[in-house]
Amino acid sequence: TVGIGLWQGQAMSNNSGGENLWGLIITGSLVSI
């Protein structure tokens, strides 16, 4: 849960690779449930 939140913060800060992070966030959220 905290790891996905960390990724979300990085993706929302518009860092490089943010598009790839959103894919990881969605996949990670699915795996976590």
All heavy atoms as atom14 arrays in JSON, in Angstrom:
{
  "sequence": "TVGIGLWQGQAMSNNSGGENLWGLIITGSLVSI",
  "atom14_mask": [
    [1, 1, 1, 1, 1, 1, 1, 0, 0, 0, 0, 0, 0, 0],
    [1, 1, 1, 1, 1, 1, 1, 0, 0, 0, 0, 0, 0, 0],
    [1, 1, 1, 1, 0, 0, 0, 0, 0, 0, 0, 0, 0, 0],
    [1, 1, 1, 1, 1, 1, 1, 1, 0, 0, 0, 0, 0, 0],
    [1, 1, 1, 1, 0, 0, 0, 0, 0, 0, 0, 0, 0, 0],
    [1, 1, 1, 1, 1, 1, 1, 1, 0, 0, 0, 0, 0, 0],
    [1, 1, 1, 1, 1, 1, 1, 1, 1, 1, 1, 1, 1, 1],
    [1, 1, 1, 1, 1, 1, 1, 1, 1, 0, 0, 0, 0, 0],
    [1, 1, 1, 1, 0, 0, 0, 0, 0, 0, 0, 0, 0, 0],
    [1, 1, 1, 1, 1, 1, 1, 1, 1, 0, 0, 0, 0, 0],
    [1, 1, 1, 1, 1, 0, 0, 0, 0, 0, 0, 0, 0, 0],
    [1, 1, 1, 1, 1, 1, 1, 1, 0, 0, 0, 0, 0, 0],
    [1, 1, 1, 1, 1, 1, 0, 0, 0, 0, 0, 0, 0, 0],
    [1, 1, 1, 1, 1, 1, 1, 1, 0, 0, 0, 0, 0, 0],
    [1, 1, 1, 1, 1, 1, 1, 1, 0, 0, 0, 0, 0, 0],
    [1, 1, 1, 1, 1, 1, 0, 0, 0, 0, 0, 0, 0, 0],
    [1, 1, 1, 1, 0, 0, 0, 0, 0, 0, 0, 0, 0, 0],
    [1, 1, 1, 1, 0, 0, 0, 0, 0, 0, 0, 0, 0, 0],
    [1, 1, 1, 1, 1, 1, 1, 1, 1, 0, 0, 0, 0, 0],
    [1, 1, 1, 1, 1, 1, 1, 1, 0, 0, 0, 0, 0, 0],
    [1, 1, 1, 1, 1, 1, 1, 1, 0, 0, 0, 0, 0, 0],
    [1, 1, 1, 1, 1, 1, 1, 1, 1, 1, 1, 1, 1, 1],
    [1, 1, 1, 1, 0, 0, 0, 0, 0, 0, 0, 0, 0, 0],
    [1, 1, 1, 1, 1, 1, 1, 1, 0, 0, 0, 0, 0, 0],
    [1, 1, 1, 1, 1, 1, 1, 1, 0, 0, 0, 0, 0, 0],
    [1, 1, 1, 1, 1, 1, 1, 1, 0, 0, 0, 0, 0, 0],
    [1, 1, 1, 1, 1, 1, 1, 0, 0, 0, 0, 0, 0, 0],
    [1, 1, 1, 1, 0, 0, 0, 0, 0, 0, 0, 0, 0, 0],
    [1, 1, 1, 1, 1, 1, 0, 0, 0, 0, 0, 0, 0, 0],
    [1, 1, 1, 1, 1, 1, 1, 1, 0, 0, 0, 0, 0, 0],
    [1, 1, 1, 1, 1, 1, 1, 0, 0, 0, 0, 0, 0, 0],
    [1, 1, 1, 1, 1, 1, 0, 0, 0, 0, 0, 0, 0, 0],
    [1, 1, 1, 1, 1, 1, 1, 1, 0, 0, 0, 0, 0, 0]
  ],
  "atom14_positions": [
    [[0.83, -1.21, 0.0], [0.0, 0.0, 0.0], [0.87, 1.25, 0.0], [0.61, 2.2, -0.77], [-0.91, 0.0, 1.24], [-0.11, -0.25, 2.41], [-1.97, -1.07, 1.12], [0.0, 0.0, 0.0], [0.0, 0.0, 0.0], [0.0, 0.0, 0.0], [0.0, 0.0, 0.0], [0.0, 0.0, 0.0], [0.0, 0.0, 0.0], [0.0, 0.0, 0.0]],
    [[1.89, 1.29, 0.84], [2.78, 2.45, 0.89], [3.63, 2.52, -0.37], [3.9, 3.61, -0.89], [3.66, 2.39, 2.15], [4.62, 3.58, 2.19], [2.79, 2.39, 3.4], [0.0, 0.0, 0.0], [0.0, 0.0, 0.0], [0.0, 0.0, 0.0], [0.0, 0.0, 0.0], [0.0, 0.0, 0.0], [0.0, 0.0, 0.0], [0.0, 0.0, 0.0]],
    [[4.05, 1.37, -0.88], [4.84, 1.36, -2.09], [4.08, 1.92, -3.28], [4.63, 2.73, -4.06], [0.0, 0.0, 0.0], [0.0, 0.0, 0.0], [0.0, 0.0, 0.0], [0.0, 0.0, 0.0], [0.0, 0.0, 0.0], [0.0, 0.0, 0.0], [0.0, 0.0, 0.0], [0.0, 0.0, 0.0], [0.0, 0.0, 0.0], [0.0, 0.0, 0.0]],
    [[2.83, 1.53, -3.43], [2.02, 2.06, -4.53], [1.79, 3.56, -4.33], [1.79, 4.34, -5.3], [0.68, 1.29, -4.62], [0.94, -0.14, -5.1], [-0.29, 1.99, -5.56], [-0.3, -0.99, -5.15], [0.0, 0.0, 0.0], [0.0, 0.0, 0.0], [0.0, 0.0, 0.0], [0.0, 0.0, 0.0], [0.0, 0.0, 0.0], [0.0, 0.0, 0.0]],
    [[1.59, 3.97, -3.08], [1.46, 5.41, -2.81], [2.72, 6.17, -3.17], [2.65, 7.31, -3.67], [0.0, 0.0, 0.0], [0.0, 0.0, 0.0], [0.0, 0.0, 0.0], [0.0, 0.0, 0.0], [0.0, 0.0, 0.0], [0.0, 0.0, 0.0], [0.0, 0.0, 0.0], [0.0, 0.0, 0.0], [0.0, 0.0, 0.0], [0.0, 0.0, 0.0]],
    [[3.89, 5.58, -2.95], [5.16, 6.2, -3.34], [5.23, 6.35, -4.85], [5.63, 7.41, -5.36], [6.32, 5.36, -2.82], [7.73, 5.82, -3.2], [8.03, 7.18, -2.58], [8.77, 4.79, -2.76], [0.0, 0.0, 0.0], [0.0, 0.0, 0.0], [0.0, 0.0, 0.0], [0.0, 0.0, 0.0], [0.0, 0.0, 0.0], [0.0, 0.0, 0.0]],
    [[4.87, 5.3, -5.56], [4.84, 5.38, -7.02], [3.87, 6.45, -7.51], [4.17, 7.19, -8.46], [4.44, 4.03, -7.61], [5.55, 3.04, -7.67], [6.88, 3.29, -7.5], [5.43, 1.65, -7.95], [7.6, 2.13, -7.63], [6.75, 1.11, -7.91], [4.37, 0.8, -8.21], [7.0, -0.24, -8.14], [4.63, -0.54, -8.43], [5.93, -1.05, -8.4]],
    [[2.72, 6.53, -6.88], [1.72, 7.51, -7.29], [2.25, 8.93, -7.11], [2.03, 9.81, -7.96], [0.43, 7.33, -6.5], [-0.7, 8.23, -6.95], [-1.99, 7.95, -6.19], [-2.04, 7.1, -5.3], [-3.04, 8.67, -6.53], [0.0, 0.0, 0.0], [0.0, 0.0, 0.0], [0.0, 0.0, 0.0], [0.0, 0.0, 0.0], [0.0, 0.0, 0.0]],
    [[2.94, 9.16, -5.99], [3.53, 10.48, -5.78], [4.57, 10.82, -6.83], [4.64, 11.95, -7.3], [0.0, 0.0, 0.0], [0.0, 0.0, 0.0], [0.0, 0.0, 0.0], [0.0, 0.0, 0.0], [0.0, 0.0, 0.0], [0.0, 0.0, 0.0], [0.0, 0.0, 0.0], [0.0, 0.0, 0.0], [0.0, 0.0, 0.0], [0.0, 0.0, 0.0]],
    [[5.38, 9.83, -7.21], [6.38, 10.06, -8.24], [5.73, 10.31, -9.6], [6.19, 11.17, -10.37], [7.33, 8.86, -8.32], [8.19, 8.67, -7.08], [9.05, 7.42, -7.16], [8.92, 6.63, -8.1], [9.9, 7.22, -6.17], [0.0, 0.0, 0.0], [0.0, 0.0, 0.0], [0.0, 0.0, 0.0], [0.0, 0.0, 0.0], [0.0, 0.0, 0.0]],
    [[4.66, 9.58, -9.9], [3.99, 9.76, -11.18], [3.31, 11.11, -11.28], [3.3, 11.75, -12.33], [2.97, 8.64, -11.4], [0.0, 0.0, 0.0], [0.0, 0.0, 0.0], [0.0, 0.0, 0.0], [0.0, 0.0, 0.0], [0.0, 0.0, 0.0], [0.0, 0.0, 0.0], [0.0, 0.0, 0.0], [0.0, 0.0, 0.0], [0.0, 0.0, 0.0]],
    [[2.73, 11.56, -10.15], [2.02, 12.85, -10.17], [2.96, 14.03, -10.2], [2.55, 15.15, -10.52], [1.11, 12.95, -8.93], [-0.04, 11.95, -8.94], [-1.11, 12.09, -7.49], [-1.82, 13.72, -7.76], [0.0, 0.0, 0.0], [0.0, 0.0, 0.0], [0.0, 0.0, 0.0], [0.0, 0.0, 0.0], [0.0, 0.0, 0.0], [0.0, 0.0, 0.0]],
    [[4.23, 13.8, -9.85], [5.2, 14.9, -9.9], [5.75, 15.13, -11.3], [6.66, 15.95, -11.46], [6.34, 14.62, -8.92], [7.06, 13.45, -9.32], [0.0, 0.0, 0.0], [0.0, 0.0, 0.0], [0.0, 0.0, 0.0], [0.0, 0.0, 0.0], [0.0, 0.0, 0.0], [0.0, 0.0, 0.0], [0.0, 0.0, 0.0], [0.0, 0.0, 0.0]],
    [[5.22, 14.36, -12.28], [5.6, 14.51, -13.69], [7.08, 14.27, -13.93], [7.7, 14.93, -14.76], [5.22, 15.91, -14.2], [3.72, 16.13, -14.2], [2.96, 15.22, -14.52], [3.29, 17.34, -13.85], [0.0, 0.0, 0.0], [0.0, 0.0, 0.0], [0.0, 0.0, 0.0], [0.0, 0.0, 0.0], [0.0, 0.0, 0.0], [0.0, 0.0, 0.0]],
    [[7.64, 13.34, -13.16], [9.03, 12.98, -13.43], [9.1, 12.15, -14.7], [8.1, 11.69, -15.25], [9.61, 12.18, -12.26], [9.76, 13.05, -11.03], [9.94, 14.26, -11.14], [9.7, 12.44, -9.86], [0.0, 0.0, 0.0], [0.0, 0.0, 0.0], [0.0, 0.0, 0.0], [0.0, 0.0, 0.0], [0.0, 0.0, 0.0], [0.0, 0.0, 0.0]],
    [[10.3, 11.94, -15.19], [10.47, 11.11, -16.38], [10.04, 9.68, -16.09], [10.34, 9.14, -15.03], [11.94, 11.13, -16.83], [12.79, 10.66, -15.79], [0.0, 0.0, 0.0], [0.0, 0.0, 0.0], [0.0, 0.0, 0.0], [0.0, 0.0, 0.0], [0.0, 0.0, 0.0], [0.0, 0.0, 0.0], [0.0, 0.0, 0.0], [0.0, 0.0, 0.0]],
    [[9.36, 9.09, -17.02], [8.87, 7.74, -16.83], [7.56, 7.68, -16.09], [7.16, 6.6, -15.64], [0.0, 0.0, 0.0], [0.0, 0.0, 0.0], [0.0, 0.0, 0.0], [0.0, 0.0, 0.0], [0.0, 0.0, 0.0], [0.0, 0.0, 0.0], [0.0, 0.0, 0.0], [0.0, 0.0, 0.0], [0.0, 0.0, 0.0], [0.0, 0.0, 0.0]],
    [[6.87, 8.83, -15.94], [5.62, 8.84, -15.21], [4.56, 7.97, -15.86], [3.74, 7.34, -15.18], [0.0, 0.0, 0.0], [0.0, 0.0, 0.0], [0.0, 0.0, 0.0], [0.0, 0.0, 0.0], [0.0, 0.0, 0.0], [0.0, 0.0, 0.0], [0.0, 0.0, 0.0], [0.0, 0.0, 0.0], [0.0, 0.0, 0.0], [0.0, 0.0, 0.0]],
    [[4.57, 7.92, -17.21], [3.57, 7.1, -17.89], [3.75, 5.63, -17.54], [2.77, 4.9, -17.34], [3.68, 7.3, -19.41], [3.37, 8.72, -19.88], [4.54, 9.68, -19.69], [5.6, 9.2, -19.24], [4.39, 10.87, -19.96], [0.0, 0.0, 0.0], [0.0, 0.0, 0.0], [0.0, 0.0, 0.0], [0.0, 0.0, 0.0], [0.0, 0.0, 0.0]],
    [[4.99, 5.17, -17.47], [5.23, 3.77, -17.11], [4.83, 3.49, -15.67], [4.36, 2.4, -15.34], [6.72, 3.44, -17.31], [7.15, 3.53, -18.77], [6.35, 3.28, -19.67], [8.4, 3.88, -18.98], [0.0, 0.0, 0.0], [0.0, 0.0, 0.0], [0.0, 0.0, 0.0], [0.0, 0.0, 0.0], [0.0, 0.0, 0.0], [0.0, 0.0, 0.0]],
    [[5.02, 4.48, -14.79], [4.65, 4.29, -13.39], [3.15, 4.1, -13.24], [2.7, 3.32, -12.39], [5.12, 5.49, -12.56], [6.58, 5.46, -12.1], [6.91, 6.72, -11.31], [6.85, 4.23, -11.24], [0.0, 0.0, 0.0], [0.0, 0.0, 0.0], [0.0, 0.0, 0.0], [0.0, 0.0, 0.0], [0.0, 0.0, 0.0], [0.0, 0.0, 0.0]],
    [[2.35, 4.81, -14.0], [0.89, 4.65, -13.89], [0.47, 3.23, -14.25], [-0.44, 2.67, -13.65], [0.16, 5.66, -14.77], [0.1, 7.04, -14.18], [0.69, 8.16, -14.66], [-0.57, 7.42, -12.98], [0.42, 9.23, -13.83], [-0.35, 8.8, -12.79], [-1.33, 6.73, -12.04], [-0.87, 9.51, -11.72], [-1.85, 7.43, -10.96], [-1.62, 8.79, -10.79]],
    [[1.15, 2.65, -15.25], [0.86, 1.25, -15.57], [1.21, 0.32, -14.42], [0.47, -0.62, -14.1], [0.0, 0.0, 0.0], [0.0, 0.0, 0.0], [0.0, 0.0, 0.0], [0.0, 0.0, 0.0], [0.0, 0.0, 0.0], [0.0, 0.0, 0.0], [0.0, 0.0, 0.0], [0.0, 0.0, 0.0], [0.0, 0.0, 0.0], [0.0, 0.0, 0.0]],
    [[2.35, 0.58, -13.75], [2.73, -0.21, -12.59], [1.75, -0.02, -11.44], [1.43, -0.97, -10.71], [4.14, 0.17, -12.14], [5.3, -0.26, -13.04], [6.61, 0.31, -12.53], [5.38, -1.78, -13.12], [0.0, 0.0, 0.0], [0.0, 0.0, 0.0], [0.0, 0.0, 0.0], [0.0, 0.0, 0.0], [0.0, 0.0, 0.0], [0.0, 0.0, 0.0]],
    [[1.28, 1.21, -11.26], [0.34, 1.49, -10.17], [-0.96, 0.72, -10.37], [-1.49, 0.11, -9.43], [0.08, 3.01, -10.08], [1.34, 3.74, -9.61], [-1.09, 3.3, -9.13], [1.26, 5.24, -9.75], [0.0, 0.0, 0.0], [0.0, 0.0, 0.0], [0.0, 0.0, 0.0], [0.0, 0.0, 0.0], [0.0, 0.0, 0.0], [0.0, 0.0, 0.0]],
    [[-1.49, 0.76, -11.58], [-2.74, 0.06, -11.85], [-2.57, -1.46, -11.69], [-3.39, -2.14, -11.07], [-3.24, 0.4, -13.28], [-3.58, 1.88, -13.36], [-4.45, -0.45, -13.64], [-3.91, 2.36, -14.75], [0.0, 0.0, 0.0], [0.0, 0.0, 0.0], [0.0, 0.0, 0.0], [0.0, 0.0, 0.0], [0.0, 0.0, 0.0], [0.0, 0.0, 0.0]],
    [[-1.47, -1.98, -12.22], [-1.21, -3.41, -12.08], [-0.99, -3.8, -10.63], [-1.52, -4.82, -10.15], [0.02, -3.81, -12.92], [-0.17, -3.4, -14.28], [0.24, -5.31, -12.87], [0.0, 0.0, 0.0], [0.0, 0.0, 0.0], [0.0, 0.0, 0.0], [0.0, 0.0, 0.0], [0.0, 0.0, 0.0], [0.0, 0.0, 0.0], [0.0, 0.0, 0.0]],
    [[-0.22, -2.99, -9.91], [0.03, -3.28, -8.51], [-1.23, -3.23, -7.66], [-1.41, -4.04, -6.75], [0.0, 0.0, 0.0], [0.0, 0.0, 0.0], [0.0, 0.0, 0.0], [0.0, 0.0, 0.0], [0.0, 0.0, 0.0], [0.0, 0.0, 0.0], [0.0, 0.0, 0.0], [0.0, 0.0, 0.0], [0.0, 0.0, 0.0], [0.0, 0.0, 0.0]],
    [[-2.12, -2.29, -7.98], [-3.39, -2.21, -7.24], [-4.23, -3.45, -7.47], [-4.87, -3.96, -6.54], [-4.16, -0.96, -7.68], [-3.41, 0.21, -7.43], [0.0, 0.0, 0.0], [0.0, 0.0, 0.0], [0.0, 0.0, 0.0], [0.0, 0.0, 0.0], [0.0, 0.0, 0.0], [0.0, 0.0, 0.0], [0.0, 0.0, 0.0], [0.0, 0.0, 0.0]],
    [[-4.23, -3.95, -8.71], [-4.97, -5.18, -9.01], [-4.37, -6.37, -8.27], [-5.09, -7.16, -7.66], [-4.98, -5.42, -10.51], [-5.6, -6.75, -10.98], [-7.08, -6.8, -10.6], [-5.43, -6.92, -12.48], [0.0, 0.0, 0.0], [0.0, 0.0, 0.0], [0.0, 0.0, 0.0], [0.0, 0.0, 0.0], [0.0, 0.0, 0.0], [0.0, 0.0, 0.0]],
    [[-3.04, -6.48, -8.31], [-2.37, -7.6, -7.65], [-2.6, -7.56, -6.15], [-2.75, -8.59, -5.49], [-0.87, -7.59, -7.99], [-0.11, -8.62, -7.15], [-0.65, -7.88, -9.47], [0.0, 0.0, 0.0], [0.0, 0.0, 0.0], [0.0, 0.0, 0.0], [0.0, 0.0, 0.0], [0.0, 0.0, 0.0], [0.0, 0.0, 0.0], [0.0, 0.0, 0.0]],
    [[-2.67, -6.35, -5.57], [-2.77, -6.22, -4.12], [-4.1, -6.71, -3.56], [-4.18, -7.04, -2.38], [-2.54, -4.76, -3.71], [-3.61, -3.94, -4.18], [0.0, 0.0, 0.0], [0.0, 0.0, 0.0], [0.0, 0.0, 0.0], [0.0, 0.0, 0.0], [0.0, 0.0, 0.0], [0.0, 0.0, 0.0], [0.0, 0.0, 0.0], [0.0, 0.0, 0.0]],
    [[-5.16, -6.73, -4.39], [-6.45, -7.18, -3.88], [-6.68, -8.67, -4.1], [-7.59, -9.25, -3.5], [-7.62, -6.39, -4.53], [-7.72, -6.7, -6.01], [-7.45, -4.91, -4.29], [-8.95, -6.11, -6.67], [0.0, 0.0, 0.0], [0.0, 0.0, 0.0], [0.0, 0.0, 0.0], [0.0, 0.0, 0.0], [0.0, 0.0, 0.0], [0.0, 0.0, 0.0]]
  ]
}
